Amino acid sequence: MSDLRLVRGHEEDEVTRGLRGLYAAPSDEAYWSELEARIMHRIASVELGWWAELDSWTRPALLAAAALILACTAALFRAHEVDRATAYDALLAPVPGPTEAVARPMLQDQRDGTVRYVLSRD
């Protein structure tokens, strides 16, 4: 049995030496210089700033801003139209007589207008 251990130990030493030879660092100085040159070239070609990531967002951000400006413009135009229609309605509304103004104040709501119409049909 001790002979088997010696044979197995000898085979393991050969495998270990073979693996060390495969995975050993190169001893040639040219290898290390070339490796450094490749690494430095790769670093120089890659943008390392966080602002470089924002470059890819430029077009979608501009489109979103344009859509937002259009939506705000439409909302402001609609609000202006509603204000103008309300002003015209207020100008064209019938003016109550002197007794009606004292007895009943002008009502603003459509429901109140209906109530005023029904009550005035005496």
PDB file of N, CA and C in Angstrom:
ATOM      1  N   MET A   1       0.808  -1.189   0.000  1.00  0.00           N
ATOM      2  CA  MET A   1       0.000   0.000   0.000  1.00  0.00           C
ATOM      3  C   MET A   1       0.860   1.266   0.000  1.00  0.00           C
ATOM      4  N   SER A   2       1.959   1.256   0.639  1.00  0.00           N
ATOM      5  CA  SER A   2       2.835   2.415   0.648  1.00  0.00           C
ATOM      6  C   SER A   2       3.406   2.675  -0.747  1.00  0.00           C
ATOM      7  N   ASP A   3       3.578   1.598  -1.551  1.00  0.00           N
ATOM      8  CA  ASP A   3       4.042   1.776  -2.922  1.00  0.00           C
ATOM      9  C   ASP A   3       2.995   2.536  -3.760  1.00  0.00           C
ATOM     10  N   LEU A   4       1.720   2.262  -3.476  1.00  0.00           N
ATOM     11  CA  LEU A   4       0.641   2.935  -4.205  1.00  0.00           C
ATOM     12  C   LEU A   4       0.638   4.428  -3.882  1.00  0.00           C
ATOM     13  N   ARG A   5       0.902   4.766  -2.619  1.00  0.00           N
ATOM     14  CA  ARG A   5       0.957   6.179  -2.235  1.00  0.00           C
ATOM     15  C   ARG A   5       2.130   6.882  -2.918  1.00  0.00           C
ATOM     16  N   LEU A   6       3.215   6.245  -3.042  1.00  0.00           N
ATOM     17  CA  LEU A   6       4.374   6.849  -3.679  1.00  0.00           C
ATOM     18  C   LEU A   6       4.108   7.090  -5.163  1.00  0.00           C
ATOM     19  N   VAL A   7       3.461   6.124  -5.818  1.00  0.00           N
ATOM     20  CA  VAL A   7       3.151   6.282  -7.237  1.00  0.00           C
ATOM     21  C   VAL A   7       2.141   7.408  -7.419  1.00  0.00           C
ATOM     22  N   ARG A   8       1.100   7.420  -6.551  1.00  0.00           N
ATOM     23  CA  ARG A   8       0.077   8.458  -6.653  1.00  0.00           C
ATOM     24  C   ARG A   8       0.687   9.826  -6.339  1.00  0.00           C
ATOM     25  N   GLY A   9       1.535   9.917  -5.340  1.00  0.00           N
ATOM     26  CA  GLY A   9       2.198  11.164  -4.991  1.00  0.00           C
ATOM     27  C   GLY A   9       3.078  11.667  -6.118  1.00  0.00           C
ATOM     28  N   HIS A  10       3.775  10.741  -6.795  1.00  0.00           N
ATOM     29  CA  HIS A  10       4.638  11.110  -7.906  1.00  0.00           C
ATOM     30  C   HIS A  10       3.802  11.653  -9.078  1.00  0.00           C
ATOM     31  N   GLU A  11       2.648  11.023  -9.358  1.00  0.00           N
ATOM     32  CA  GLU A  11       1.768  11.486 -10.440  1.00  0.00           C
ATOM     33  C   GLU A  11       1.176  12.862 -10.104  1.00  0.00           C
ATOM     34  N   GLU A  12       0.832  13.058  -8.850  1.00  0.00           N
ATOM     35  CA  GLU A  12       0.272  14.347  -8.439  1.00  0.00           C
ATOM     36  C   GLU A  12       1.317  15.452  -8.556  1.00  0.00           C
ATOM     37  N   ASP A  13       2.565  15.138  -8.250  1.00  0.00           N
ATOM     38  CA  ASP A  13       3.624  16.132  -8.405  1.00  0.00           C
ATOM     39  C   ASP A  13       3.812  16.519  -9.873  1.00  0.00           C
ATOM     40  N   GLU A  14       3.720  15.565 -10.768  1.00  0.00           N
ATOM     41  CA  GLU A  14       3.855  15.865 -12.196  1.00  0.00           C
ATOM     42  C   GLU A  14       2.700  16.737 -12.683  1.00  0.00           C
ATOM     43  N   VAL A  15       1.487  16.422 -12.231  1.00  0.00           N
ATOM     44  CA  VAL A  15       0.312  17.216 -12.622  1.00  0.00           C
ATOM     45  C   VAL A  15       0.452  18.632 -12.076  1.00  0.00           C
ATOM     46  N   THR A  16       0.895  18.749 -10.815  1.00  0.00           N
ATOM     47  CA  THR A  16       1.073  20.063 -10.200  1.00  0.00           C
ATOM     48  C   THR A  16       2.116  20.866 -10.962  1.00  0.00           C
ATOM     49  N   ARG A  17       3.213  20.267 -11.304  1.00  0.00           N
ATOM     50  CA  ARG A  17       4.246  20.968 -12.070  1.00  0.00           C
ATOM     51  C   ARG A  17       3.730  21.383 -13.450  1.00  0.00           C
ATOM     52  N   GLY A  18       2.961  20.517 -14.079  1.00  0.00           N
ATOM     53  CA  GLY A  18       2.390  20.849 -15.393  1.00  0.00           C
ATOM     54  C   GLY A  18       1.431  22.031 -15.310  1.00  0.00           C
ATOM     55  N   LEU A  19       0.593  22.037 -14.274  1.00  0.00           N
ATOM     56  CA  LEU A  19      -0.349  23.152 -14.106  1.00  0.00           C
ATOM     57  C   LEU A  19       0.377  24.446 -13.764  1.00  0.00           C
ATOM     58  N   ARG A  20       1.409  24.358 -12.954  1.00  0.00           N
ATOM     59  CA  ARG A  20       2.194  25.565 -12.635  1.00  0.00           C
ATOM     60  C   ARG A  20       2.839  26.128 -13.895  1.00  0.00           C
ATOM     61  N   GLY A  21       3.273  25.246 -14.771  1.00  0.00           N
ATOM     62  CA  GLY A  21       3.871  25.703 -16.021  1.00  0.00           C
ATOM     63  C   GLY A  21       2.836  26.390 -16.918  1.00  0.00           C
ATOM     64  N   LEU A  22       1.599  25.872 -16.915  1.00  0.00           N
ATOM     65  CA  LEU A  22       0.550  26.476 -17.742  1.00  0.00           C
ATOM     66  C   LEU A  22       0.084  27.831 -17.190  1.00  0.00           C
ATOM     67  N   TYR A  23      -0.005  27.928 -15.877  1.00  0.00           N
ATOM     68  CA  TYR A  23      -0.562  29.127 -15.254  1.00  0.00           C
ATOM     69  C   TYR A  23       0.487  30.096 -14.715  1.00  0.00           C
ATOM     70  N   ALA A  24       1.733  29.839 -14.985  1.00  0.00           N
ATOM     71  CA  ALA A  24       2.790  30.733 -14.502  1.00  0.00           C
ATOM     72  C   ALA A  24       2.761  32.041 -15.289  1.00  0.00           C
ATOM     73  N   ALA A  25       3.130  33.115 -14.629  1.00  0.00           N
ATOM     74  CA  ALA A  25       3.189  34.420 -15.283  1.00  0.00           C
ATOM     75  C   ALA A  25       4.324  34.420 -16.296  1.00  0.00           C
ATOM     76  N   PRO A  26       4.125  35.056 -17.433  1.00  0.00           N
ATOM     77  CA  PRO A  26       5.191  35.114 -18.433  1.00  0.00           C
ATOM     78  C   PRO A  26       6.396  35.887 -17.887  1.00  0.00           C
ATOM     79  N   SER A  27       7.535  35.447 -18.246  1.00  0.00           N
ATOM     80  CA  SER A  27       8.749  36.098 -17.754  1.00  0.00           C
ATOM     81  C   SER A  27       9.277  37.120 -18.764  1.00  0.00           C
ATOM     82  N   ASP A  28       8.708  37.156 -19.938  1.00  0.00           N
ATOM     83  CA  ASP A  28       9.157  38.075 -20.992  1.00  0.00           C
ATOM     84  C   ASP A  28       8.653  39.486 -20.702  1.00  0.00           C
ATOM     85  N   GLU A  29       9.543  40.468 -20.730  1.00  0.00           N
ATOM     86  CA  GLU A  29       9.182  41.869 -20.449  1.00  0.00           C
ATOM     87  C   GLU A  29       8.304  42.450 -21.561  1.00  0.00           C
ATOM     88  N   ALA A  30       8.436  41.960 -22.780  1.00  0.00           N
ATOM     89  CA  ALA A  30       7.626  42.460 -23.901  1.00  0.00           C
ATOM     90  C   ALA A  30       6.143  42.139 -23.683  1.00  0.00           C
ATOM     91  N   TYR A  31       5.858  40.992 -23.079  1.00  0.00           N
ATOM     92  CA  TYR A  31       4.464  40.619 -22.790  1.00  0.00           C
ATOM     93  C   TYR A  31       3.820  41.659 -21.880  1.00  0.00           C
ATOM     94  N   TRP A  32       4.526  42.023 -20.825  1.00  0.00           N
ATOM     95  CA  TRP A  32       3.972  42.972 -19.855  1.00  0.00           C
ATOM     96  C   TRP A  32       3.817  44.365 -20.470  1.00  0.00           C
ATOM     97  N   SER A  33       4.736  44.769 -21.305  1.00  0.00           N
ATOM     98  CA  SER A  33       4.625  46.069 -21.982  1.00  0.00           C
ATOM     99  C   SER A  33       3.428  46.089 -22.928  1.00  0.00           C
ATOM    100  N   GLU A  34       3.252  44.999 -23.671  1.00  0.00           N
ATOM    101  CA  GLU A  34       2.108  44.914 -24.586  1.00  0.00           C
ATOM    102  C   GLU A  34       0.787  44.891 -23.814  1.00  0.00           C
ATOM    103  N   LEU A  35       0.743  44.166 -22.718  1.00  0.00           N
ATOM    104  CA  LEU A  35      -0.458  44.117 -21.895  1.00  0.00           C
ATOM    105  C   LEU A  35      -0.801  45.508 -21.348  1.00  0.00           C
ATOM    106  N   GLU A  36       0.216  46.224 -20.874  1.00  0.00           N
ATOM    107  CA  GLU A  36      -0.009  47.580 -20.367  1.00  0.00           C
ATOM    108  C   GLU A  36      -0.519  48.490 -21.480  1.00  0.00           C
ATOM    109  N   ALA A  37       0.040  48.382 -22.659  1.00  0.00           N
ATOM    110  CA  ALA A  37      -0.386  49.218 -23.789  1.00  0.00           C
ATOM    111  C   ALA A  37      -1.842  48.927 -24.160  1.00  0.00           C
ATOM    112  N   ARG A  38      -2.247  47.656 -24.164  1.00  0.00           N
ATOM    113  CA  ARG A  38      -3.636  47.305 -24.477  1.00  0.00           C
ATOM    114  C   ARG A  38      -4.596  47.840 -23.429  1.00  0.00           C
ATOM    115  N   ILE A  39      -4.215  47.727 -22.156  1.00  0.00           N
ATOM    116  CA  ILE A  39      -5.072  48.216 -21.072  1.00  0.00           C
ATOM    117  C   ILE A  39      -5.229  49.729 -21.161  1.00  0.00           C
ATOM    118  N   MET A  40      -4.126  50.432 -21.377  1.00  0.00           N
ATOM    119  CA  MET A  40      -4.185  51.893 -21.447  1.00  0.00           C
ATOM    120  C   MET A  40      -4.974  52.351 -22.675  1.00  0.00           C
ATOM    121  N   HIS A  41      -4.873  51.625 -23.790  1.00  0.00           N
ATOM    122  CA  HIS A  41      -5.659  51.965 -24.978  1.00  0.00           C
ATOM    123  C   HIS A  41      -7.148  51.789 -24.693  1.00  0.00           C
ATOM    124  N   ARG A  42      -7.499  50.732 -24.009  1.00  0.00           N
ATOM    125  CA  ARG A  42      -8.915  50.478 -23.668  1.00  0.00           C
ATOM    126  C   ARG A  42      -9.441  51.547 -22.712  1.00  0.00           C
ATOM    127  N   ILE A  43      -8.652  51.938 -21.743  1.00  0.00           N
ATOM    128  CA  ILE A  43      -9.074  52.976 -20.795  1.00  0.00           C
ATOM    129  C   ILE A  43      -9.259  54.303 -21.514  1.00  0.00           C
ATOM    130  N   ALA A  44      -8.379  54.603 -22.454  1.00  0.00           N
ATOM    131  CA  ALA A  44      -8.474  55.870 -23.187  1.00  0.00           C
ATOM    132  C   ALA A  44      -9.704  55.899 -24.088  1.00  0.00           C
ATOM    133  N   SER A  45     -10.140  54.755 -24.582  1.00  0.00           N
ATOM    134  CA  SER A  45     -11.292  54.729 -25.489  1.00  0.00           C
ATOM    135  C   SER A  45     -12.631  54.700 -24.754  1.00  0.00           C
ATOM    136  N   VAL A  46     -12.621  54.476 -23.461  1.00  0.00           N
ATOM    137  CA  VAL A  46     -13.864  54.415 -22.684  1.00  0.00           C
ATOM    138  C   VAL A  46     -14.044  55.721 -21.934  1.00  0.00           C
ATOM    139  N   GLU A  47     -15.259  56.284 -22.026  1.00  0.00           N
ATOM    140  CA  GLU A  47     -15.565  57.494 -21.271  1.00  0.00           C
ATOM    141  C   GLU A  47     -15.914  57.084 -19.852  1.00  0.00           C
ATOM    142  N   LEU A  48     -15.221  57.654 -18.887  1.00  0.00           N
ATOM    143  CA  LEU A  48     -15.394  57.215 -17.508  1.00  0.00           C
ATOM    144  C   LEU A  48     -16.254  58.149 -16.666  1.00  0.00           C
ATOM    145  N   GLY A  49     -16.741  59.250 -17.225  1.00  0.00           N
ATOM    146  CA  GLY A  49     -17.528  60.196 -16.445  1.00  0.00           C
ATOM    147  C   GLY A  49     -19.008  59.835 -16.441  1.00  0.00           C
ATOM    148  N   TRP A  50     -19.697  60.235 -15.400  1.00  0.00           N
ATOM    149  CA  TRP A  50     -21.138  59.968 -15.309  1.00  0.00           C
ATOM    150  C   TRP A  50     -21.882  60.776 -16.359  1.00  0.00           C
ATOM    151  N   TRP A  51     -21.331  61.899 -16.791  1.00  0.00           N
ATOM    152  CA  TRP A  51     -21.989  62.738 -17.777  1.00  0.00           C
ATOM    153  C   TRP A  51     -22.004  62.064 -19.146  1.00  0.00           C
ATOM    154  N   ALA A  52     -21.095  61.123 -19.372  1.00  0.00           N
ATOM    155  CA  ALA A  52     -21.082  60.414 -20.646  1.00  0.00           C
ATOM    156  C   ALA A  52     -22.354  59.577 -20.800  1.00  0.00           C
ATOM    157  N   GLU A  53     -22.891  59.096 -19.700  1.00  0.00           N
ATOM    158  CA  GLU A  53     -24.136  58.333 -19.750  1.00  0.00           C
ATOM    159  C   GLU A  53     -25.311  59.211 -20.166  1.00  0.00           C
ATOM    160  N   LEU A  54     -25.250  60.494 -19.829  1.00  0.00           N
ATOM    161  CA  LEU A  54     -26.346  61.400 -20.164  1.00  0.00           C
ATOM    162  C   LEU A  54     -26.421  61.692 -21.659  1.00  0.00           C
ATOM    163  N   ASP A  55     -25.332  61.477 -22.386  1.00  0.00           N
ATOM    164  CA  ASP A  55     -25.351  61.709 -23.830  1.00  0.00           C
ATOM    165  C   ASP A  55     -26.401  60.855 -24.526  1.00  0.00           C
ATOM    166  N   SER A  56     -26.592  59.637 -24.052  1.00  0.00           N
ATOM    167  CA  SER A  56     -27.582  58.766 -24.683  1.00  0.00           C
ATOM    168  C   SER A  56     -29.007  59.182 -24.333  1.00  0.00           C
ATOM    169  N   TRP A  57     -29.172  60.033 -23.345  1.00  0.00           N
ATOM    170  CA  TRP A  57     -30.512  60.496 -22.939  1.00  0.00           C
ATOM    171  C   TRP A  57     -30.918  61.785 -23.633  1.00  0.00           C
ATOM    172  N   THR A  58     -30.056  62.390 -24.419  1.00  0.00           N
ATOM    173  CA  THR A  58     -30.322  63.710 -24.985  1.00  0.00           C
ATOM    174  C   THR A  58     -31.560  63.724 -25.866  1.00  0.00           C
ATOM    175  N   ARG A  59     -31.631  62.844 -26.837  1.00  0.00           N
ATOM    176  CA  ARG A  59     -32.768  62.842 -27.765  1.00  0.00           C
ATOM    177  C   ARG A  59     -34.090  62.546 -27.058  1.00  0.00           C
ATOM    178  N   PRO A  60     -34.190  61.495 -26.217  1.00  0.00           N
ATOM    179  CA  PRO A  60     -35.468  61.277 -25.519  1.00  0.00           C
ATOM    180  C   PRO A  60     -35.849  62.439 -24.598  1.00  0.00           C
ATOM    181  N   ALA A  61     -34.854  63.061 -23.980  1.00  0.00           N
ATOM    182  CA  ALA A  61     -35.162  64.186 -23.088  1.00  0.00           C
ATOM    183  C   ALA A  61     -35.695  65.372 -23.887  1.00  0.00           C
ATOM    184  N   LEU A  62     -35.127  65.637 -25.049  1.00  0.00           N
ATOM    185  CA  LEU A  62     -35.621  66.739 -25.883  1.00  0.00           C
ATOM    186  C   LEU A  62     -37.029  66.455 -26.401  1.00  0.00           C
ATOM    187  N   LEU A  63     -37.301  65.220 -26.774  1.00  0.00           N
ATOM    188  CA  LEU A  63     -38.649  64.869 -27.216  1.00  0.00           C
ATOM    189  C   LEU A  63     -39.659  65.009 -26.088  1.00  0.00           C
ATOM    190  N   ALA A  64     -39.289  64.579 -24.884  1.00  0.00           N
ATOM    191  CA  ALA A  64     -40.189  64.719 -23.737  1.00  0.00           C
ATOM    192  C   ALA A  64     -40.429  66.190 -23.410  1.00  0.00           C
ATOM    193  N   ALA A  65     -39.401  67.007 -23.500  1.00  0.00           N
ATOM    194  CA  ALA A  65     -39.560  68.444 -23.238  1.00  0.00           C
ATOM    195  C   ALA A  65     -40.472  69.080 -24.278  1.00  0.00           C
ATOM    196  N   ALA A  66     -40.331  68.705 -25.539  1.00  0.00           N
ATOM    197  CA  ALA A  66     -41.194  69.253 -26.588  1.00  0.00           C
ATOM    198  C   ALA A  66     -42.648  68.840 -26.363  1.00  0.00           C
ATOM    199  N   ALA A  67     -42.863  67.574 -25.990  1.00  0.00           N
ATOM    200  CA  ALA A  67     -44.221  67.112 -25.712  1.00  0.00           C
ATOM    201  C   ALA A  67     -44.819  67.852 -24.522  1.00  0.00           C
ATOM    202  N   LEU A  68     -44.016  68.095 -23.513  1.00  0.00           N
ATOM    203  CA  LEU A  68     -44.490  68.824 -22.335  1.00  0.00           C
ATOM    204  C   LEU A  68     -44.833  70.266 -22.686  1.00  0.00           C
ATOM    205  N   ILE A  69     -44.022  70.902 -23.500  1.00  0.00           N
ATOM    206  CA  ILE A  69     -44.306  72.282 -23.916  1.00  0.00           C
ATOM    207  C   ILE A  69     -45.594  72.339 -24.728  1.00  0.00           C
ATOM    208  N   LEU A  70     -45.801  71.379 -25.629  1.00  0.00           N
ATOM    209  CA  LEU A  70     -47.039  71.352 -26.410  1.00  0.00           C
ATOM    210  C   LEU A  70     -48.257  71.128 -25.522  1.00  0.00           C
ATOM    211  N   ALA A  71     -48.140  70.222 -24.553  1.00  0.00           N
ATOM    212  CA  ALA A  71     -49.263  69.957 -23.649  1.00  0.00           C
ATOM    213  C   ALA A  71     -49.590  71.188 -22.806  1.00  0.00           C
ATOM    214  N   CYS A  72     -48.560  71.875 -22.311  1.00  0.00           N
ATOM    215  CA  CYS A  72     -48.789  73.093 -21.515  1.00  0.00           C
ATOM    216  C   CYS A  72     -49.403  74.191 -22.368  1.00  0.00           C
ATOM    217  N   THR A  73     -48.948  74.325 -23.611  1.00  0.00           N
ATOM    218  CA  THR A  73     -49.521  75.325 -24.510  1.00  0.00           C
ATOM    219  C   THR A  73     -50.993  75.041 -24.776  1.00  0.00           C
ATOM    220  N   ALA A  74     -51.327  73.781 -25.015  1.00  0.00           N
ATOM    221  CA  ALA A  74     -52.728  73.419 -25.248  1.00  0.00           C
ATOM    222  C   ALA A  74     -53.575  73.690 -24.006  1.00  0.00           C
ATOM    223  N   ALA A  75     -53.047  73.373 -22.823  1.00  0.00           N
ATOM    224  CA  ALA A  75     -53.790  73.611 -21.586  1.00  0.00           C
ATOM    225  C   ALA A  75     -53.994  75.110 -21.348  1.00  0.00           C
ATOM    226  N   LEU A  76     -52.969  75.914 -21.596  1.00  0.00           N
ATOM    227  CA  LEU A  76     -53.114  77.364 -21.423  1.00  0.00           C
ATOM    228  C   LEU A  76     -54.096  77.953 -22.434  1.00  0.00           C
ATOM    229  N   PHE A  77     -54.055  77.471 -23.672  1.00  0.00           N
ATOM    230  CA  PHE A  77     -54.992  77.945 -24.685  1.00  0.00           C
ATOM    231  C   PHE A  77     -56.423  77.596 -24.291  1.00  0.00           C
ATOM    232  N   ARG A  78     -56.615  76.369 -23.804  1.00  0.00           N
ATOM    233  CA  ARG A  78     -57.961  75.941 -23.376  1.00  0.00           C
ATOM    234  C   ARG A  78     -58.436  76.772 -22.186  1.00  0.00           C
ATOM    235  N   ALA A  79     -57.563  77.053 -21.248  1.00  0.00           N
ATOM    236  CA  ALA A  79     -57.942  77.870 -20.095  1.00  0.00           C
ATOM    237  C   ALA A  79     -58.308  79.283 -20.547  1.00  0.00           C
ATOM    238  N   HIS A  80     -57.584  79.816 -21.525  1.00  0.00           N
ATOM    239  CA  HIS A  80     -57.904  81.142 -22.051  1.00  0.00           C
ATOM    240  C   HIS A  80     -59.272  81.135 -22.731  1.00  0.00           C
ATOM    241  N   GLU A  81     -59.556  80.085 -23.488  1.00  0.00           N
ATOM    242  CA  GLU A  81     -60.855  79.966 -24.158  1.00  0.00           C
ATOM    243  C   GLU A  81     -61.989  79.901 -23.137  1.00  0.00           C
ATOM    244  N   VAL A  82     -61.810  79.147 -22.083  1.00  0.00           N
ATOM    245  CA  VAL A  82     -62.842  79.041 -21.042  1.00  0.00           C
ATOM    246  C   VAL A  82     -63.043  80.387 -20.359  1.00  0.00           C
ATOM    247  N   ASP A  83     -61.944  81.088 -20.063  1.00  0.00           N
ATOM    248  CA  ASP A  83     -62.061  82.415 -19.445  1.00  0.00           C
ATOM    249  C   ASP A  83     -62.801  83.385 -20.366  1.00  0.00           C
ATOM    250  N   ARG A  84     -62.475  83.325 -21.639  1.00  0.00           N
ATOM    251  CA  ARG A  84     -63.131  84.225 -22.592  1.00  0.00           C
ATOM    252  C   ARG A  84     -64.615  83.905 -22.714  1.00  0.00           C
ATOM    253  N   ALA A  85     -64.967  82.612 -22.771  1.00  0.00           N
ATOM    254  CA  ALA A  85     -66.377  82.225 -22.854  1.00  0.00           C
ATOM    255  C   ALA A  85     -67.131  82.650 -21.594  1.00  0.00           C
ATOM    256  N   THR A  86     -66.509  82.517 -20.446  1.00  0.00           N
ATOM    257  CA  THR A  86     -67.135  82.941 -19.194  1.00  0.00           C
ATOM    258  C   THR A  86     -67.341  84.445 -19.176  1.00  0.00           C
ATOM    259  N   ALA A  87     -66.384  85.193 -19.680  1.00  0.00           N
ATOM    260  CA  ALA A  87     -66.519  86.654 -19.729  1.00  0.00           C
ATOM    261  C   ALA A  87     -67.640  87.064 -20.675  1.00  0.00           C
ATOM    262  N   TYR A  88     -67.737  86.420 -21.845  1.00  0.00           N
ATOM    263  CA  TYR A  88     -68.836  86.726 -22.767  1.00  0.00           C
ATOM    264  C   TYR A  88     -70.185  86.383 -22.156  1.00  0.00           C
ATOM    265  N   ASP A  89     -70.258  85.234 -21.483  1.00  0.00           N
ATOM    266  CA  ASP A  89     -71.516  84.851 -20.832  1.00  0.00           C
ATOM    267  C   ASP A  89     -71.906  85.865 -19.767  1.00  0.00           C
ATOM    268  N   ALA A  90     -70.937  86.356 -19.025  1.00  0.00           N
ATOM    269  CA  ALA A  90     -71.232  87.350 -17.992  1.00  0.00           C
ATOM    270  C   ALA A  90     -71.681  88.664 -18.608  1.00  0.00           C
ATOM    271  N   LEU A  91     -71.109  89.052 -19.763  1.00  0.00           N
ATOM    272  CA  LEU A  91     -71.515  90.293 -20.418  1.00  0.00           C
ATOM    273  C   LEU A  91     -72.894  90.192 -21.050  1.00  0.00           C
ATOM    274  N   LEU A  92     -73.210  89.018 -21.578  1.00  0.00           N
ATOM    275  CA  LEU A  92     -74.470  88.848 -22.294  1.00  0.00           C
ATOM    276  C   LEU A  92     -75.610  88.367 -21.405  1.00  0.00           C
ATOM    277  N   ALA A  93     -75.360  88.121 -20.143  1.00  0.00           N
ATOM    278  CA  ALA A  93     -76.414  87.661 -19.233  1.00  0.00           C
ATOM    279  C   ALA A  93     -77.421  88.790 -19.024  1.00  0.00           C
ATOM    280  N   PRO A  94     -78.707  88.456 -18.886  1.00  0.00           N
ATOM    281  CA  PRO A  94     -79.706  89.509 -18.667  1.00  0.00           C
ATOM    282  C   PRO A  94     -79.474  90.204 -17.332  1.00  0.00           C
ATOM    283  N   VAL A  95     -79.629  91.508 -17.352  1.00  0.00           N
ATOM    284  CA  VAL A  95     -79.458  92.294 -16.138  1.00  0.00           C
ATOM    285  C   VAL A  95     -80.808  92.344 -15.420  1.00  0.00           C
ATOM    286  N   PRO A  96     -80.860  91.973 -14.145  1.00  0.00           N
ATOM    287  CA  PRO A  96     -82.135  91.997 -13.432  1.00  0.00           C
ATOM    288  C   PRO A  96     -82.593  93.437 -13.192  1.00  0.00           C
ATOM    289  N   GLY A  97     -83.905  93.616 -13.063  1.00  0.00           N
ATOM    290  CA  GLY A  97     -84.456  94.932 -12.760  1.00  0.00           C
ATOM    291  C   GLY A  97     -84.110  95.336 -11.332  1.00  0.00           C
ATOM    292  N   PRO A  98     -84.440  96.572 -10.966  1.00  0.00           N
ATOM    293  CA  PRO A  98     -84.074  97.054  -9.641  1.00  0.00           C
ATOM    294  C   PRO A  98     -84.713  96.240  -8.512  1.00  0.00           C
ATOM    295  N   THR A  99     -85.935  95.790  -8.679  1.00  0.00           N
ATOM    296  CA  THR A  99     -86.590  95.025  -7.607  1.00  0.00           C
ATOM    297  C   THR A  99     -86.043  93.621  -7.529  1.00  0.00           C
ATOM    298  N   GLU A 100     -85.708  93.015  -8.688  1.00  0.00           N
ATOM    299  CA  GLU A 100     -85.148  91.661  -8.668  1.00  0.00           C
ATOM    300  C   GLU A 100     -83.768  91.642  -8.016  1.00  0.00           C
ATOM    301  N   ALA A 101     -82.988  92.689  -8.228  1.00  0.00           N
ATOM    302  CA  ALA A 101     -81.638  92.731  -7.674  1.00  0.00           C
ATOM    303  C   ALA A 101     -81.690  92.768  -6.158  1.00  0.00           C
ATOM    304  N   VAL A 102     -82.656  93.417  -5.585  1.00  0.00           N
ATOM    305  CA  VAL A 102     -82.772  93.481  -4.127  1.00  0.00           C
ATOM    306  C   VAL A 102     -83.354  92.184  -3.604  1.00  0.00           C
ATOM    307  N   ALA A 103     -84.345  91.657  -4.290  1.00  0.00           N
ATOM    308  CA  ALA A 103     -85.029  90.469  -3.797  1.00  0.00           C
ATOM    309  C   ALA A 103     -84.182  89.210  -3.950  1.00  0.00           C
ATOM    310  N   ARG A 104     -83.579  89.049  -5.118  1.00  0.00           N
ATOM    311  CA  ARG A 104     -82.803  87.828  -5.380  1.00  0.00           C
ATOM    312  C   ARG A 104     -81.467  88.215  -6.000  1.00  0.00           C
ATOM    313  N   PRO A 105     -80.363  87.774  -5.420  1.00  0.00           N
ATOM    314  CA  PRO A 105     -79.073  88.061  -6.053  1.00  0.00           C
ATOM    315  C   PRO A 105     -78.907  87.226  -7.318  1.00  0.00           C
ATOM    316  N   MET A 106     -78.019  87.650  -8.209  1.00  0.00           N
ATOM    317  CA  MET A 106     -77.773  86.879  -9.424  1.00  0.00           C
ATOM    318  C   MET A 106     -77.140  85.539  -9.070  1.00  0.00           C
ATOM    319  N   LEU A 107     -77.619  84.508  -9.684  1.00  0.00           N
ATOM    320  CA  LEU A 107     -77.122  83.162  -9.418  1.00  0.00           C
ATOM    321  C   LEU A 107     -76.151  82.748 -10.517  1.00  0.00           C
ATOM    322  N   GLN A 108     -75.114  82.047 -10.161  1.00  0.00           N
ATOM    323  CA  GLN A 108     -74.052  81.710 -11.106  1.00  0.00           C
ATOM    324  C   GLN A 108     -74.216  80.317 -11.720  1.00  0.00           C
ATOM    325  N   ASP A 109     -74.715  79.402 -10.973  1.00  0.00           N
ATOM    326  CA  ASP A 109     -74.746  78.007 -11.404  1.00  0.00           C
ATOM    327  C   ASP A 109     -75.915  77.752 -12.350  1.00  0.00           C
ATOM    328  N   GLN A 110     -75.813  76.777 -13.238  1.00  0.00           N
ATOM    329  CA  GLN A 110     -76.897  76.453 -14.166  1.00  0.00           C
ATOM    330  C   GLN A 110     -78.128  75.990 -13.408  1.00  0.00           C
ATOM    331  N   ARG A 111     -77.942  75.208 -12.365  1.00  0.00           N
ATOM    332  CA  ARG A 111     -79.061  74.740 -11.546  1.00  0.00           C
ATOM    333  C   ARG A 111     -79.768  75.933 -10.898  1.00  0.00           C
ATOM    334  N   ASP A 112     -78.989  76.889 -10.441  1.00  0.00           N
ATOM    335  CA  ASP A 112     -79.584  78.083  -9.845  1.00  0.00           C
ATOM    336  C   ASP A 112     -80.332  78.892 -10.894  1.00  0.00           C
ATOM    337  N   GLY A 113     -79.826  78.899 -12.116  1.00  0.00           N
ATOM    338  CA  GLY A 113     -80.530  79.581 -13.193  1.00  0.00           C
ATOM    339  C   GLY A 113     -81.866  78.938 -13.481  1.00  0.00           C
ATOM    340  N   THR A 114     -81.902  77.605 -13.424  1.00  0.00           N
ATOM    341  CA  THR A 114     -83.157  76.888 -13.625  1.00  0.00           C
ATOM    342  C   THR A 114     -84.146  77.218 -12.519  1.00  0.00           C
ATOM    343  N   VAL A 115     -83.664  77.233 -11.292  1.00  0.00           N
ATOM    344  CA  VAL A 115     -84.526  77.576 -10.158  1.00  0.00           C
ATOM    345  C   VAL A 115     -85.048  79.001 -10.329  1.00  0.00           C
ATOM    346  N   ARG A 116     -84.201  79.916 -10.737  1.00  0.00           N
ATOM    347  CA  ARG A 116     -84.626  81.312 -10.946  1.00  0.00           C
ATOM    348  C   ARG A 116     -85.684  81.384 -12.034  1.00  0.00           C
ATOM    349  N   TYR A 117     -85.513  80.623 -13.110  1.00  0.00           N
ATOM    350  CA  TYR A 117     -86.486  80.624 -14.195  1.00  0.00           C
ATOM    351  C   TYR A 117     -87.838  80.092 -13.724  1.00  0.00           C
ATOM    352  N   VAL A 118     -87.825  78.990 -12.972  1.00  0.00           N
ATOM    353  CA  VAL A 118     -89.071  78.408 -12.482  1.00  0.00           C
ATOM    354  C   VAL A 118     -89.775  79.374 -11.515  1.00  0.00           C
ATOM    355  N   LEU A 119     -89.031  80.010 -10.641  1.00  0.00           N
ATOM    356  CA  LEU A 119     -89.640  80.918  -9.660  1.00  0.00           C
ATOM    357  C   LEU A 119     -90.160  82.192 -10.304  1.00  0.00           C
ATOM    358  N   SER A 120     -89.612  82.619 -11.430  1.00  0.00           N
ATOM    359  CA  SER A 120     -90.032  83.856 -12.058  1.00  0.00           C
ATOM    360  C   SER A 120     -91.260  83.654 -12.930  1.00  0.00           C
ATOM    361  N   ARG A 121     -91.764  82.446 -13.112  1.00  0.00           N
ATOM    362  CA  ARG A 121     -92.930  82.160 -13.987  1.00  0.00           C
ATOM    363  C   ARG A 121     -94.239  82.396 -13.264  1.00  0.00           C
ATOM    364  N   ASP A 122     -94.319  83.165 -12.257  1.00  0.00           N
ATOM    365  CA  ASP A 122     -95.556  83.412 -11.492  1.00  0.00           C
ATOM    366  C   ASP A 122     -96.668  83.885 -12.313  1.00  0.00           C
TER     367      ASP A 122
END
